[in-house]
């Protein structure tokens, strides 16, 4: 079994502008799975980047 080696990923704070309706959808969907708005957006971005047509 491999040893567990936790790492701290470097993160930065950014600002984005969203229309109010889109933000409401994000908040609703994040609430459904009990995660933060930030985590939901990060997962959406990861999903999009991993599923782009190359």
PDB file of N, CA and C in Angstrom:
ATOM      1  N   UNK A   1       0.835  -1.172   0.000  1.00  0.00           N
ATOM      2  CA  UNK A   1       0.000   0.000   0.000  1.00  0.00           C
ATOM      3  C   UNK A   1       0.889   1.248   0.000  1.00  0.00           C
ATOM      4  N   UNK A   2       0.483   2.241  -0.812  1.00  0.00           N
ATOM      5  CA  UNK A   2       1.246   3.487  -0.844  1.00  0.00           C
ATOM      6  C   UNK A   2       1.024   4.278   0.438  1.00  0.00           C
ATOM      7  N   UNK A   3       2.069   4.991   0.837  1.00  0.00           N
ATOM      8  CA  UNK A   3       1.946   5.872   1.995  1.00  0.00           C
ATOM      9  C   UNK A   3       1.104   7.085   1.628  1.00  0.00           C
ATOM     10  N   UNK A   4       0.303   7.524   2.585  1.00  0.00           N
ATOM     11  CA  UNK A   4      -0.499   8.726   2.395  1.00  0.00           C
ATOM     12  C   UNK A   4       0.385   9.939   2.598  1.00  0.00           C
ATOM     13  N   UNK A   5       0.435  10.803   1.586  1.00  0.00           N
ATOM     14  CA  UNK A   5       1.234  12.018   1.666  1.00  0.00           C
ATOM     15  C   UNK A   5       0.349  13.201   1.287  1.00  0.00           C
ATOM     16  N   UNK A   6      -0.242  13.839   2.291  1.00  0.00           N
ATOM     17  CA  UNK A   6      -1.107  14.972   1.972  1.00  0.00           C
ATOM     18  C   UNK A   6      -0.302  16.130   1.386  1.00  0.00           C
ATOM     19  N   UNK A   7      -0.927  16.829   0.483  1.00  0.00           N
ATOM     20  CA  UNK A   7      -0.282  18.004  -0.117  1.00  0.00           C
ATOM     21  C   UNK A   7      -1.222  19.198   0.028  1.00  0.00           C
ATOM     22  N   UNK A   8      -0.648  20.354   0.089  1.00  0.00           N
ATOM     23  CA  UNK A   8      -1.438  21.571   0.124  1.00  0.00           C
ATOM     24  C   UNK A   8      -1.350  22.212  -1.251  1.00  0.00           C
ATOM     25  N   UNK A   9      -2.484  22.241  -1.923  1.00  0.00           N
ATOM     26  CA  UNK A   9      -2.495  22.852  -3.242  1.00  0.00           C
ATOM     27  C   UNK A   9      -2.546  24.366  -3.093  1.00  0.00           C
ATOM     28  N   UNK A  10      -1.751  25.023  -3.894  1.00  0.00           N
ATOM     29  CA  UNK A  10      -1.742  26.477  -3.863  1.00  0.00           C
ATOM     30  C   UNK A  10      -3.033  26.996  -4.489  1.00  0.00           C
ATOM     31  N   UNK A  11      -3.670  27.919  -3.828  1.00  0.00           N
ATOM     32  CA  UNK A  11      -4.910  28.509  -4.327  1.00  0.00           C
ATOM     33  C   UNK A  11      -4.786  30.019  -4.302  1.00  0.00           C
ATOM     34  N   UNK A  12      -5.613  30.650  -5.100  1.00  0.00           N
ATOM     35  CA  UNK A  12      -5.640  32.100  -5.132  1.00  0.00           C
ATOM     36  C   UNK A  12      -7.087  32.572  -5.156  1.00  0.00           C
ATOM     37  N   UNK A  13      -7.302  33.765  -4.729  1.00  0.00           N
ATOM     38  CA  UNK A  13      -8.633  34.348  -4.728  1.00  0.00           C
ATOM     39  C   UNK A  13      -8.812  35.125  -6.032  1.00  0.00           C
ATOM     40  N   UNK A  14      -9.959  34.899  -6.686  1.00  0.00           N
ATOM     41  CA  UNK A  14     -10.283  35.644  -7.901  1.00  0.00           C
ATOM     42  C   UNK A  14     -11.681  36.227  -7.752  1.00  0.00           C
ATOM     43  N   UNK A  15     -12.027  37.077  -8.674  1.00  0.00           N
ATOM     44  CA  UNK A  15     -13.356  37.664  -8.690  1.00  0.00           C
ATOM     45  C   UNK A  15     -13.991  37.376 -10.046  1.00  0.00           C
ATOM     46  N   UNK A  16     -15.267  36.991 -10.038  1.00  0.00           N
ATOM     47  CA  UNK A  16     -15.996  36.823 -11.297  1.00  0.00           C
ATOM     48  C   UNK A  16     -17.322  37.554 -11.192  1.00  0.00           C
ATOM     49  N   UNK A  17     -17.860  37.910 -12.327  1.00  0.00           N
ATOM     50  CA  UNK A  17     -19.151  38.579 -12.361  1.00  0.00           C
ATOM     51  C   UNK A  17     -20.162  37.642 -13.013  1.00  0.00           C
ATOM     52  N   UNK A  18     -21.266  37.396 -12.304  1.00  0.00           N
ATOM     53  CA  UNK A  18     -22.328  36.535 -12.806  1.00  0.00           C
ATOM     54  C   UNK A  18     -23.644  37.278 -12.739  1.00  0.00           C
ATOM     55  N   UNK A  19     -24.542  36.948 -13.671  1.00  0.00           N
ATOM     56  CA  UNK A  19     -25.860  37.547 -13.543  1.00  0.00           C
ATOM     57  C   UNK A  19     -26.593  36.895 -12.365  1.00  0.00           C
ATOM     58  N   UNK A  20     -27.538  37.608 -11.820  1.00  0.00           N
ATOM     59  CA  UNK A  20     -28.221  37.178 -10.598  1.00  0.00           C
ATOM     60  C   UNK A  20     -28.923  35.838 -10.777  1.00  0.00           C
ATOM     61  N   UNK A  21     -29.535  35.632 -11.926  1.00  0.00           N
ATOM     62  CA  UNK A  21     -30.251  34.373 -12.153  1.00  0.00           C
ATOM     63  C   UNK A  21     -29.304  33.171 -12.168  1.00  0.00           C
ATOM     64  N   UNK A  22     -28.147  33.340 -12.779  1.00  0.00           N
ATOM     65  CA  UNK A  22     -27.175  32.239 -12.829  1.00  0.00           C
ATOM     66  C   UNK A  22     -26.652  31.935 -11.428  1.00  0.00           C
ATOM     67  N   UNK A  23     -26.400  32.973 -10.642  1.00  0.00           N
ATOM     68  CA  UNK A  23     -25.927  32.770  -9.277  1.00  0.00           C
ATOM     69  C   UNK A  23     -26.976  32.033  -8.436  1.00  0.00           C
ATOM     70  N   UNK A  24     -28.233  32.353  -8.648  1.00  0.00           N
ATOM     71  CA  UNK A  24     -29.309  31.667  -7.914  1.00  0.00           C
ATOM     72  C   UNK A  24     -29.325  30.177  -8.256  1.00  0.00           C
ATOM     73  N   UNK A  25     -29.110  29.846  -9.516  1.00  0.00           N
ATOM     74  CA  UNK A  25     -29.064  28.435  -9.931  1.00  0.00           C
ATOM     75  C   UNK A  25     -27.875  27.741  -9.275  1.00  0.00           C
ATOM     76  N   UNK A  26     -26.727  28.399  -9.278  1.00  0.00           N
ATOM     77  CA  UNK A  26     -25.530  27.821  -8.658  1.00  0.00           C
ATOM     78  C   UNK A  26     -25.775  27.562  -7.178  1.00  0.00           C
ATOM     79  N   UNK A  27     -26.340  28.531  -6.487  1.00  0.00           N
ATOM     80  CA  UNK A  27     -26.615  28.370  -5.058  1.00  0.00           C
ATOM     81  C   UNK A  27     -27.600  27.227  -4.805  1.00  0.00           C
ATOM     82  N   UNK A  28     -28.619  27.135  -5.634  1.00  0.00           N
ATOM     83  CA  UNK A  28     -29.616  26.069  -5.481  1.00  0.00           C
ATOM     84  C   UNK A  28     -28.980  24.695  -5.683  1.00  0.00           C
ATOM     85  N   UNK A  29     -28.209  24.545  -6.740  1.00  0.00           N
ATOM     86  CA  UNK A  29     -27.595  23.250  -7.038  1.00  0.00           C
ATOM     87  C   UNK A  29     -26.544  22.871  -5.997  1.00  0.00           C
ATOM     88  N   UNK A  30     -25.773  23.839  -5.530  1.00  0.00           N
ATOM     89  CA  UNK A  30     -24.782  23.563  -4.483  1.00  0.00           C
ATOM     90  C   UNK A  30     -25.483  23.133  -3.200  1.00  0.00           C
ATOM     91  N   UNK A  31     -26.601  23.759  -2.893  1.00  0.00           N
ATOM     92  CA  UNK A  31     -27.362  23.407  -1.700  1.00  0.00           C
ATOM     93  C   UNK A  31     -27.920  22.000  -1.750  1.00  0.00           C
ATOM     94  N   UNK A  32     -28.284  21.547  -2.940  1.00  0.00           N
ATOM     95  CA  UNK A  32     -28.828  20.191  -3.103  1.00  0.00           C
ATOM     96  C   UNK A  32     -27.842  19.118  -2.666  1.00  0.00           C
ATOM     97  N   UNK A  33     -26.553  19.391  -2.863  1.00  0.00           N
ATOM     98  CA  UNK A  33     -25.525  18.398  -2.508  1.00  0.00           C
ATOM     99  C   UNK A  33     -24.716  18.827  -1.287  1.00  0.00           C
ATOM    100  N   UNK A  34     -25.184  19.903  -0.625  1.00  0.00           N
ATOM    101  CA  UNK A  34     -24.596  20.382   0.623  1.00  0.00           C
ATOM    102  C   UNK A  34     -23.109  20.696   0.502  1.00  0.00           C
ATOM    103  N   UNK A  35     -22.765  21.462  -0.529  1.00  0.00           N
ATOM    104  CA  UNK A  35     -21.391  21.952  -0.669  1.00  0.00           C
ATOM    105  C   UNK A  35     -21.453  23.470  -0.840  1.00  0.00           C
ATOM    106  N   UNK A  36     -20.323  24.111  -0.654  1.00  0.00           N
ATOM    107  CA  UNK A  36     -20.279  25.561  -0.783  1.00  0.00           C
ATOM    108  C   UNK A  36     -20.416  25.977  -2.242  1.00  0.00           C
ATOM    109  N   UNK A  37     -20.810  27.215  -2.419  1.00  0.00           N
ATOM    110  CA  UNK A  37     -20.867  27.797  -3.764  1.00  0.00           C
ATOM    111  C   UNK A  37     -19.503  27.684  -4.441  1.00  0.00           C
ATOM    112  N   UNK A  38     -18.451  28.006  -3.702  1.00  0.00           N
ATOM    113  CA  UNK A  38     -17.105  27.952  -4.253  1.00  0.00           C
ATOM    114  C   UNK A  38     -16.752  26.540  -4.726  1.00  0.00           C
ATOM    115  N   UNK A  39     -17.002  25.547  -3.882  1.00  0.00           N
ATOM    116  CA  UNK A  39     -16.662  24.165  -4.253  1.00  0.00           C
ATOM    117  C   UNK A  39     -17.465  23.725  -5.465  1.00  0.00           C
ATOM    118  N   UNK A  40     -18.724  24.117  -5.532  1.00  0.00           N
ATOM    119  CA  UNK A  40     -19.557  23.771  -6.683  1.00  0.00           C
ATOM    120  C   UNK A  40     -18.967  24.357  -7.966  1.00  0.00           C
ATOM    121  N   UNK A  41     -18.598  25.638  -7.921  1.00  0.00           N
ATOM    122  CA  UNK A  41     -18.027  26.290  -9.102  1.00  0.00           C
ATOM    123  C   UNK A  41     -16.711  25.631  -9.499  1.00  0.00           C
ATOM    124  N   UNK A  42     -15.857  25.320  -8.519  1.00  0.00           N
ATOM    125  CA  UNK A  42     -14.580  24.654  -8.815  1.00  0.00           C
ATOM    126  C   UNK A  42     -14.834  23.314  -9.494  1.00  0.00           C
ATOM    127  N   UNK A  43     -15.793  22.537  -8.990  1.00  0.00           N
ATOM    128  CA  UNK A  43     -16.090  21.234  -9.585  1.00  0.00           C
ATOM    129  C   UNK A  43     -16.663  21.387 -10.993  1.00  0.00           C
ATOM    130  N   UNK A  44     -17.472  22.412 -11.213  1.00  0.00           N
ATOM    131  CA  UNK A  44     -17.995  22.665 -12.555  1.00  0.00           C
ATOM    132  C   UNK A  44     -16.862  22.995 -13.528  1.00  0.00           C
ATOM    133  N   UNK A  45     -15.935  23.824 -13.081  1.00  0.00           N
ATOM    134  CA  UNK A  45     -14.792  24.182 -13.934  1.00  0.00           C
ATOM    135  C   UNK A  45     -13.947  22.943 -14.229  1.00  0.00           C
ATOM    136  N   UNK A  46     -13.660  22.140 -13.198  1.00  0.00           N
ATOM    137  CA  UNK A  46     -12.887  20.911 -13.409  1.00  0.00           C
ATOM    138  C   UNK A  46     -13.580  19.992 -14.410  1.00  0.00           C
ATOM    139  N   UNK A  47     -14.886  19.837 -14.254  1.00  0.00           N
ATOM    140  CA  UNK A  47     -15.649  18.982 -15.165  1.00  0.00           C
ATOM    141  C   UNK A  47     -15.537  19.502 -16.594  1.00  0.00           C
ATOM    142  N   UNK A  48     -15.734  20.793 -16.763  1.00  0.00           N
ATOM    143  CA  UNK A  48     -15.669  21.392 -18.102  1.00  0.00           C
ATOM    144  C   UNK A  48     -14.286  21.211 -18.724  1.00  0.00           C
ATOM    145  N   UNK A  49     -13.252  21.470 -17.949  1.00  0.00           N
ATOM    146  CA  UNK A  49     -11.890  21.339 -18.479  1.00  0.00           C
ATOM    147  C   UNK A  49     -11.550  19.891 -18.832  1.00  0.00           C
ATOM    148  N   UNK A  50     -12.036  18.954 -18.031  1.00  0.00           N
ATOM    149  CA  UNK A  50     -11.752  17.545 -18.296  1.00  0.00           C
ATOM    150  C   UNK A  50     -12.582  16.956 -19.421  1.00  0.00           C
ATOM    151  N   UNK A  51     -13.609  17.660 -19.841  1.00  0.00           N
ATOM    152  CA  UNK A  51     -14.494  17.133 -20.885  1.00  0.00           C
ATOM    153  C   UNK A  51     -14.534  17.991 -22.147  1.00  0.00           C
ATOM    154  N   UNK A  52     -13.551  18.856 -22.295  1.00  0.00           N
ATOM    155  CA  UNK A  52     -13.475  19.672 -23.501  1.00  0.00           C
ATOM    156  C   UNK A  52     -13.063  18.790 -24.677  1.00  0.00           C
ATOM    157  N   UNK A  53     -13.595  19.101 -25.841  1.00  0.00           N
ATOM    158  CA  UNK A  53     -13.169  18.389 -27.045  1.00  0.00           C
ATOM    159  C   UNK A  53     -11.759  18.835 -27.389  1.00  0.00           C
ATOM    160  N   UNK A  54     -10.907  17.858 -27.548  1.00  0.00           N
ATOM    161  CA  UNK A  54      -9.505  18.177 -27.848  1.00  0.00           C
ATOM    162  C   UNK A  54      -9.168  17.835 -29.263  1.00  0.00           C
TER     163      UNK A  54
END
